[in-house]
Amino acid sequence: MLRMVLLISLALFAGVAQAQLPELSSTLPQGSAERGRLVFAPCRTCHYPEAYVGHNNGPNLSGIFGMVAGKQKGFRYYSETFAQAEFVWTPQLMYAWLEAPMEMFPDTTMMSLGVPDPQDRADLIAYLLQATAVQVEQ
């Protein structure tokens, strides 16, 4: 997995588009959104999944999957890497990122060592998929 993180890191620092990123596994370990909510608790210091709350020290995560990284409207504190990013957040990329964010993007302003346990990461992704889904009003 570290090899994958390094490949992604090199690709992203080179400013390449999503299509040029190395192939990520399309399958993730089965996660539990309920357990993931607990894994997310320390992340809430800087990030909120609910759109109505807005940004904090980190960008709001509402609708994060499918968004181009570093482009949350109204958030002004992205690192240079994220400000120039051209990749789209997917659950697989988020899973790789959360393994070791400081290794993947050394200039990140995110103050986290990541989520080293694969099951905790899978649970966190399951939670984020549920909690950050954009609700369409009828």
N, C-alpha and C. Protein backbone atom coordinates (compact mmCIF):
# COMPACT_ATOMS: atom_id res chain seq x y z
N MET A 1 0.83 -1.19 0.00
CA MET A 1 0.00 0.00 0.00
C MET A 1 0.87 1.25 0.00
N LEU A 2 1.98 1.24 0.71
CA LEU A 2 2.86 2.40 0.73
C LEU A 2 3.36 2.71 -0.68
N ARG A 3 3.64 1.67 -1.47
CA ARG A 3 4.06 1.87 -2.85
C ARG A 3 2.98 2.62 -3.62
N MET A 4 1.71 2.23 -3.41
CA MET A 4 0.59 2.88 -4.08
C MET A 4 0.52 4.34 -3.65
N VAL A 5 0.68 4.60 -2.37
CA VAL A 5 0.63 5.98 -1.86
C VAL A 5 1.74 6.81 -2.50
N LEU A 6 2.92 6.25 -2.61
CA LEU A 6 4.03 6.99 -3.20
C LEU A 6 3.78 7.26 -4.69
N LEU A 7 3.24 6.29 -5.40
CA LEU A 7 2.92 6.49 -6.82
C LEU A 7 1.88 7.58 -7.00
N ILE A 8 0.85 7.54 -6.17
CA ILE A 8 -0.19 8.56 -6.24
C ILE A 8 0.40 9.92 -5.90
N SER A 9 1.21 9.96 -4.87
CA SER A 9 1.84 11.20 -4.45
C SER A 9 2.68 11.81 -5.57
N LEU A 10 3.48 10.98 -6.21
CA LEU A 10 4.31 11.48 -7.31
C LEU A 10 3.45 11.99 -8.46
N ALA A 11 2.40 11.26 -8.76
CA ALA A 11 1.51 11.68 -9.84
C ALA A 11 0.83 13.00 -9.51
N LEU A 12 0.40 13.16 -8.27
CA LEU A 12 -0.31 14.37 -7.90
C LEU A 12 0.61 15.57 -7.82
N PHE A 13 1.84 15.36 -7.35
CA PHE A 13 2.78 16.48 -7.29
C PHE A 13 3.17 16.92 -8.69
N ALA A 14 3.11 16.02 -9.64
CA ALA A 14 3.42 16.38 -11.02
C ALA A 14 2.25 17.11 -11.67
N GLY A 15 1.12 17.21 -10.96
CA GLY A 15 -0.02 17.96 -11.46
C GLY A 15 -0.79 17.24 -12.55
N VAL A 16 -0.78 15.93 -12.54
CA VAL A 16 -1.48 15.19 -13.59
C VAL A 16 -2.97 15.09 -13.28
N ALA A 17 -3.73 14.77 -14.28
CA ALA A 17 -5.17 14.64 -14.15
C ALA A 17 -5.52 13.27 -13.57
N GLN A 18 -6.77 13.14 -13.14
CA GLN A 18 -7.27 11.90 -12.54
C GLN A 18 -7.01 10.69 -13.43
N ALA A 19 -7.20 10.82 -14.71
CA ALA A 19 -7.06 9.70 -15.63
C ALA A 19 -5.64 9.14 -15.63
N GLN A 20 -4.66 9.91 -15.22
CA GLN A 20 -3.28 9.46 -15.23
C GLN A 20 -2.82 8.90 -13.89
N LEU A 21 -3.71 8.87 -12.88
CA LEU A 21 -3.34 8.30 -11.59
C LEU A 21 -3.20 6.80 -11.73
N PRO A 22 -2.34 6.18 -10.92
CA PRO A 22 -2.24 4.72 -10.97
C PRO A 22 -3.58 4.08 -10.62
N GLU A 23 -3.79 2.91 -11.14
CA GLU A 23 -5.03 2.18 -10.88
C GLU A 23 -5.14 1.87 -9.39
N LEU A 24 -6.24 2.29 -8.78
CA LEU A 24 -6.51 1.97 -7.39
C LEU A 24 -7.46 0.79 -7.36
N SER A 25 -7.33 -0.02 -6.36
CA SER A 25 -8.25 -1.14 -6.22
C SER A 25 -9.67 -0.61 -6.16
N SER A 26 -10.55 -1.18 -6.94
CA SER A 26 -11.93 -0.70 -6.95
C SER A 26 -12.71 -1.23 -5.75
N THR A 27 -12.15 -2.20 -5.06
CA THR A 27 -12.85 -2.73 -3.90
C THR A 27 -12.12 -2.31 -2.63
N LEU A 28 -12.89 -1.99 -1.64
CA LEU A 28 -12.38 -1.64 -0.32
C LEU A 28 -12.84 -2.70 0.66
N PRO A 29 -12.15 -2.83 1.78
CA PRO A 29 -12.67 -3.73 2.81
C PRO A 29 -14.07 -3.28 3.23
N GLN A 30 -14.91 -4.22 3.62
CA GLN A 30 -16.26 -3.90 4.08
C GLN A 30 -16.16 -3.02 5.32
N GLY A 31 -16.86 -1.90 5.32
CA GLY A 31 -16.82 -0.99 6.46
C GLY A 31 -18.18 -0.84 7.10
N SER A 32 -18.18 -0.36 8.34
CA SER A 32 -19.39 -0.09 9.09
C SER A 32 -19.49 1.41 9.33
N ALA A 33 -20.56 2.02 8.83
CA ALA A 33 -20.75 3.46 9.04
C ALA A 33 -20.91 3.78 10.52
N GLU A 34 -21.52 2.88 11.26
CA GLU A 34 -21.69 3.10 12.70
C GLU A 34 -20.34 3.16 13.41
N ARG A 35 -19.45 2.22 13.10
CA ARG A 35 -18.10 2.27 13.68
C ARG A 35 -17.31 3.46 13.13
N GLY A 36 -17.53 3.76 11.86
CA GLY A 36 -16.84 4.87 11.22
C GLY A 36 -17.16 6.22 11.84
N ARG A 37 -18.39 6.35 12.35
CA ARG A 37 -18.77 7.59 13.04
C ARG A 37 -17.86 7.82 14.24
N LEU A 38 -17.50 6.75 14.92
CA LEU A 38 -16.59 6.87 16.07
C LEU A 38 -15.16 7.17 15.62
N VAL A 39 -14.75 6.57 14.50
CA VAL A 39 -13.42 6.84 13.96
C VAL A 39 -13.33 8.31 13.53
N PHE A 40 -14.43 8.86 13.03
CA PHE A 40 -14.46 10.24 12.56
C PHE A 40 -14.40 11.26 13.70
N ALA A 41 -14.71 10.87 14.92
CA ALA A 41 -14.80 11.82 16.04
C ALA A 41 -13.60 12.77 16.14
N PRO A 42 -12.34 12.31 16.08
CA PRO A 42 -11.23 13.27 16.15
C PRO A 42 -11.14 14.18 14.92
N CYS A 43 -11.65 13.72 13.77
CA CYS A 43 -11.63 14.52 12.54
C CYS A 43 -12.55 15.72 12.65
N ARG A 44 -13.59 15.58 13.50
CA ARG A 44 -14.59 16.62 13.68
C ARG A 44 -13.98 17.89 14.29
N THR A 45 -12.80 17.77 14.83
CA THR A 45 -12.11 18.95 15.34
C THR A 45 -11.94 19.98 14.22
N CYS A 46 -11.74 19.51 13.00
CA CYS A 46 -11.49 20.40 11.86
C CYS A 46 -12.49 20.27 10.71
N HIS A 47 -13.17 19.14 10.59
CA HIS A 47 -14.06 18.88 9.45
C HIS A 47 -15.47 18.55 9.92
N TYR A 48 -16.44 19.03 9.15
CA TYR A 48 -17.84 18.68 9.40
C TYR A 48 -18.39 18.01 8.15
N PRO A 49 -19.17 16.95 8.31
CA PRO A 49 -19.77 16.31 7.13
C PRO A 49 -21.08 16.96 6.71
N GLU A 50 -21.71 17.71 7.61
CA GLU A 50 -23.01 18.33 7.32
C GLU A 50 -22.81 19.65 6.57
N ALA A 51 -23.48 19.80 5.44
CA ALA A 51 -23.33 21.00 4.60
C ALA A 51 -23.69 22.28 5.34
N TYR A 52 -24.73 22.23 6.15
CA TYR A 52 -25.23 23.45 6.79
C TYR A 52 -24.27 24.03 7.82
N VAL A 53 -23.30 23.25 8.28
CA VAL A 53 -22.37 23.73 9.30
C VAL A 53 -21.28 24.62 8.69
N GLY A 54 -20.90 24.35 7.48
CA GLY A 54 -19.86 25.15 6.82
C GLY A 54 -18.46 24.65 7.13
N HIS A 55 -17.49 25.50 6.85
CA HIS A 55 -16.09 25.14 7.04
C HIS A 55 -15.66 25.38 8.49
N ASN A 56 -14.60 24.73 8.87
CA ASN A 56 -13.95 24.92 10.17
C ASN A 56 -12.48 25.16 9.86
N ASN A 57 -11.59 24.61 10.66
CA ASN A 57 -10.15 24.69 10.35
C ASN A 57 -9.83 23.94 9.07
N GLY A 58 -10.64 22.95 8.75
CA GLY A 58 -10.53 22.20 7.51
C GLY A 58 -11.79 22.41 6.70
N PRO A 59 -11.76 22.03 5.43
CA PRO A 59 -12.96 22.23 4.60
C PRO A 59 -14.11 21.32 5.02
N ASN A 60 -15.32 21.79 4.77
CA ASN A 60 -16.50 20.98 4.99
C ASN A 60 -16.45 19.80 4.03
N LEU A 61 -16.88 18.64 4.46
CA LEU A 61 -16.77 17.42 3.65
C LEU A 61 -18.06 17.05 2.92
N SER A 62 -19.09 17.84 3.05
CA SER A 62 -20.35 17.52 2.38
C SER A 62 -20.13 17.38 0.87
N GLY A 63 -20.54 16.27 0.32
CA GLY A 63 -20.42 16.02 -1.11
C GLY A 63 -19.00 15.80 -1.59
N ILE A 64 -18.10 15.43 -0.69
CA ILE A 64 -16.66 15.32 -1.02
C ILE A 64 -16.39 14.31 -2.14
N PHE A 65 -17.11 13.19 -2.14
CA PHE A 65 -16.85 12.18 -3.17
C PHE A 65 -17.42 12.66 -4.50
N GLY A 66 -16.54 12.74 -5.48
CA GLY A 66 -16.91 13.25 -6.78
C GLY A 66 -16.45 14.68 -7.00
N MET A 67 -15.94 15.32 -5.95
CA MET A 67 -15.42 16.70 -6.06
C MET A 67 -13.95 16.69 -6.43
N VAL A 68 -13.53 17.74 -7.11
CA VAL A 68 -12.10 17.93 -7.36
C VAL A 68 -11.49 18.40 -6.04
N ALA A 69 -10.40 17.79 -5.64
CA ALA A 69 -9.73 18.13 -4.38
C ALA A 69 -9.28 19.57 -4.39
N GLY A 70 -9.32 20.19 -3.21
CA GLY A 70 -8.80 21.55 -3.06
C GLY A 70 -9.65 22.64 -3.66
N LYS A 71 -10.92 22.35 -3.93
CA LYS A 71 -11.75 23.34 -4.61
C LYS A 71 -13.05 23.65 -3.87
N GLN A 72 -13.10 23.40 -2.56
CA GLN A 72 -14.31 23.71 -1.80
C GLN A 72 -14.52 25.21 -1.76
N LYS A 73 -15.63 25.65 -2.30
CA LYS A 73 -15.94 27.09 -2.34
C LYS A 73 -15.94 27.66 -0.91
N GLY A 74 -15.23 28.75 -0.76
CA GLY A 74 -15.20 29.45 0.52
C GLY A 74 -14.11 29.00 1.47
N PHE A 75 -13.41 27.92 1.16
CA PHE A 75 -12.31 27.48 2.04
C PHE A 75 -11.01 27.98 1.44
N ARG A 76 -10.25 28.76 2.23
CA ARG A 76 -9.07 29.46 1.69
C ARG A 76 -7.73 28.94 2.21
N TYR A 77 -7.72 27.84 2.92
CA TYR A 77 -6.49 27.44 3.58
C TYR A 77 -5.88 26.16 3.03
N TYR A 78 -6.07 25.90 1.75
CA TYR A 78 -5.50 24.71 1.14
C TYR A 78 -3.99 24.86 0.97
N SER A 79 -3.28 23.74 1.10
CA SER A 79 -1.86 23.72 0.78
C SER A 79 -1.70 23.92 -0.72
N GLU A 80 -0.50 24.20 -1.15
CA GLU A 80 -0.23 24.42 -2.58
C GLU A 80 -0.63 23.18 -3.40
N THR A 81 -0.32 22.01 -2.88
CA THR A 81 -0.66 20.77 -3.60
C THR A 81 -2.16 20.68 -3.84
N PHE A 82 -2.96 20.93 -2.81
CA PHE A 82 -4.41 20.83 -2.97
C PHE A 82 -4.95 21.99 -3.80
N ALA A 83 -4.40 23.16 -3.66
CA ALA A 83 -4.87 24.31 -4.43
C ALA A 83 -4.69 24.05 -5.93
N GLN A 84 -3.67 23.30 -6.30
CA GLN A 84 -3.41 23.01 -7.71
C GLN A 84 -3.89 21.63 -8.14
N ALA A 85 -4.57 20.94 -7.28
CA ALA A 85 -5.00 19.56 -7.57
C ALA A 85 -5.95 19.50 -8.76
N GLU A 86 -5.89 18.38 -9.45
CA GLU A 86 -6.79 18.12 -10.58
C GLU A 86 -7.47 16.77 -10.43
N PHE A 87 -7.36 16.15 -9.28
CA PHE A 87 -7.96 14.83 -9.11
C PHE A 87 -9.28 14.92 -8.35
N VAL A 88 -10.10 13.92 -8.55
CA VAL A 88 -11.42 13.84 -7.94
C VAL A 88 -11.36 12.85 -6.78
N TRP A 89 -11.96 13.23 -5.66
CA TRP A 89 -12.01 12.32 -4.51
C TRP A 89 -12.93 11.14 -4.80
N THR A 90 -12.40 9.97 -4.63
CA THR A 90 -13.17 8.73 -4.69
C THR A 90 -12.98 8.03 -3.35
N PRO A 91 -13.84 7.08 -3.00
CA PRO A 91 -13.61 6.34 -1.76
C PRO A 91 -12.24 5.64 -1.75
N GLN A 92 -11.81 5.12 -2.90
CA GLN A 92 -10.53 4.43 -2.97
C GLN A 92 -9.36 5.39 -2.74
N LEU A 93 -9.43 6.57 -3.33
CA LEU A 93 -8.36 7.54 -3.14
C LEU A 93 -8.35 8.07 -1.71
N MET A 94 -9.54 8.32 -1.15
CA MET A 94 -9.63 8.77 0.24
C MET A 94 -9.06 7.71 1.17
N TYR A 95 -9.33 6.44 0.89
CA TYR A 95 -8.80 5.34 1.69
C TYR A 95 -7.27 5.36 1.67
N ALA A 96 -6.68 5.53 0.49
CA ALA A 96 -5.22 5.60 0.37
C ALA A 96 -4.67 6.84 1.08
N TRP A 97 -5.31 7.97 0.90
CA TRP A 97 -4.89 9.24 1.52
C TRP A 97 -4.89 9.12 3.04
N LEU A 98 -5.95 8.54 3.59
CA LEU A 98 -6.08 8.46 5.05
C LEU A 98 -5.08 7.51 5.69
N GLU A 99 -4.44 6.67 4.89
CA GLU A 99 -3.42 5.77 5.47
C GLU A 99 -2.25 6.58 6.01
N ALA A 100 -1.81 7.58 5.29
CA ALA A 100 -0.64 8.38 5.72
C ALA A 100 -0.65 9.72 4.98
N PRO A 101 -1.51 10.66 5.39
CA PRO A 101 -1.64 11.91 4.66
C PRO A 101 -0.34 12.71 4.55
N MET A 102 0.46 12.72 5.58
CA MET A 102 1.70 13.50 5.56
C MET A 102 2.73 12.90 4.61
N GLU A 103 2.64 11.59 4.36
CA GLU A 103 3.54 10.97 3.38
C GLU A 103 3.05 11.24 1.97
N MET A 104 1.74 11.23 1.79
CA MET A 104 1.18 11.42 0.47
C MET A 104 1.36 12.87 0.01
N PHE A 105 1.10 13.81 0.90
CA PHE A 105 1.25 15.24 0.60
C PHE A 105 2.01 15.90 1.74
N PRO A 106 3.33 15.92 1.69
CA PRO A 106 4.11 16.49 2.80
C PRO A 106 3.77 17.95 3.11
N ASP A 107 3.25 18.69 2.15
CA ASP A 107 2.94 20.09 2.44
C ASP A 107 1.51 20.30 2.93
N THR A 108 0.79 19.21 3.21
CA THR A 108 -0.59 19.36 3.67
C THR A 108 -0.64 20.16 4.97
N THR A 109 -1.72 20.90 5.12
CA THR A 109 -1.92 21.64 6.36
C THR A 109 -2.78 20.82 7.33
N MET A 110 -3.22 19.64 6.89
CA MET A 110 -4.00 18.77 7.76
C MET A 110 -3.10 18.23 8.86
N MET A 111 -3.53 18.40 10.08
CA MET A 111 -2.71 18.03 11.23
C MET A 111 -3.11 16.63 11.72
N SER A 112 -2.95 15.64 10.87
CA SER A 112 -3.32 14.27 11.22
C SER A 112 -2.26 13.32 10.72
N LEU A 113 -1.98 12.33 11.52
CA LEU A 113 -1.06 11.28 11.10
C LEU A 113 -1.78 10.21 10.30
N GLY A 114 -3.09 10.36 10.16
CA GLY A 114 -3.85 9.42 9.37
C GLY A 114 -4.55 8.37 10.21
N VAL A 115 -5.04 7.37 9.52
CA VAL A 115 -5.76 6.25 10.13
C VAL A 115 -5.06 4.99 9.66
N PRO A 116 -4.05 4.53 10.40
CA PRO A 116 -3.23 3.42 9.93
C PRO A 116 -3.94 2.06 9.85
N ASP A 117 -4.94 1.84 10.68
CA ASP A 117 -5.62 0.55 10.68
C ASP A 117 -6.56 0.43 9.48
N PRO A 118 -6.36 -0.58 8.61
CA PRO A 118 -7.20 -0.72 7.41
C PRO A 118 -8.69 -0.82 7.70
N GLN A 119 -9.08 -1.53 8.77
CA GLN A 119 -10.51 -1.66 9.09
C GLN A 119 -11.08 -0.33 9.55
N ASP A 120 -10.32 0.42 10.36
CA ASP A 120 -10.78 1.74 10.77
C ASP A 120 -10.97 2.65 9.57
N ARG A 121 -10.05 2.58 8.60
CA ARG A 121 -10.18 3.39 7.39
C ARG A 121 -11.42 2.99 6.60
N ALA A 122 -11.66 1.69 6.47
CA ALA A 122 -12.84 1.22 5.75
C ALA A 122 -14.11 1.68 6.46
N ASP A 123 -14.11 1.63 7.78
CA ASP A 123 -15.26 2.10 8.55
C ASP A 123 -15.45 3.60 8.36
N LEU A 124 -14.37 4.34 8.37
CA LEU A 124 -14.44 5.79 8.18
C LEU A 124 -14.99 6.13 6.79
N ILE A 125 -14.54 5.42 5.77
CA ILE A 125 -15.05 5.65 4.42
C ILE A 125 -16.54 5.33 4.35
N ALA A 126 -16.96 4.23 4.98
CA ALA A 126 -18.40 3.88 5.00
C ALA A 126 -19.20 5.01 5.66
N TYR A 127 -18.68 5.55 6.74
CA TYR A 127 -19.36 6.66 7.41
C TYR A 127 -19.40 7.90 6.51
N LEU A 128 -18.27 8.24 5.91
CA LEU A 128 -18.22 9.44 5.06
C LEU A 128 -19.14 9.31 3.85
N LEU A 129 -19.22 8.12 3.28
CA LEU A 129 -20.13 7.91 2.16
C LEU A 129 -21.57 8.21 2.55
N GLN A 130 -21.91 7.84 3.76
CA GLN A 130 -23.28 8.07 4.25
C GLN A 130 -23.46 9.51 4.71
N ALA A 131 -22.53 10.01 5.52
CA ALA A 131 -22.69 11.31 6.17
C ALA A 131 -22.48 12.50 5.23
N THR A 132 -21.72 12.32 4.17
CA THR A 132 -21.41 13.45 3.28
C THR A 132 -22.24 13.44 2.00
N ALA A 133 -23.10 12.46 1.87
CA ALA A 133 -23.94 12.40 0.67
C ALA A 133 -24.81 13.66 0.60
N VAL A 134 -24.81 14.30 -0.53
CA VAL A 134 -25.59 15.52 -0.71
C VAL A 134 -27.06 15.13 -0.83
N GLN A 135 -27.86 15.73 0.01
CA GLN A 135 -29.29 15.48 -0.01
C GLN A 135 -29.96 16.43 -0.99
N VAL A 136 -30.71 15.88 -1.92
CA VAL A 136 -31.43 16.69 -2.89
C VAL A 136 -32.84 16.93 -2.35
N GLU A 137 -33.21 18.21 -2.26
CA GLU A 137 -34.55 18.53 -1.76
C GLU A 137 -35.58 18.28 -2.84
N GLN A 138 -36.69 17.73 -2.47
CA GLN A 138 -37.78 17.42 -3.41
C GLN A 138 -38.70 18.61 -3.54
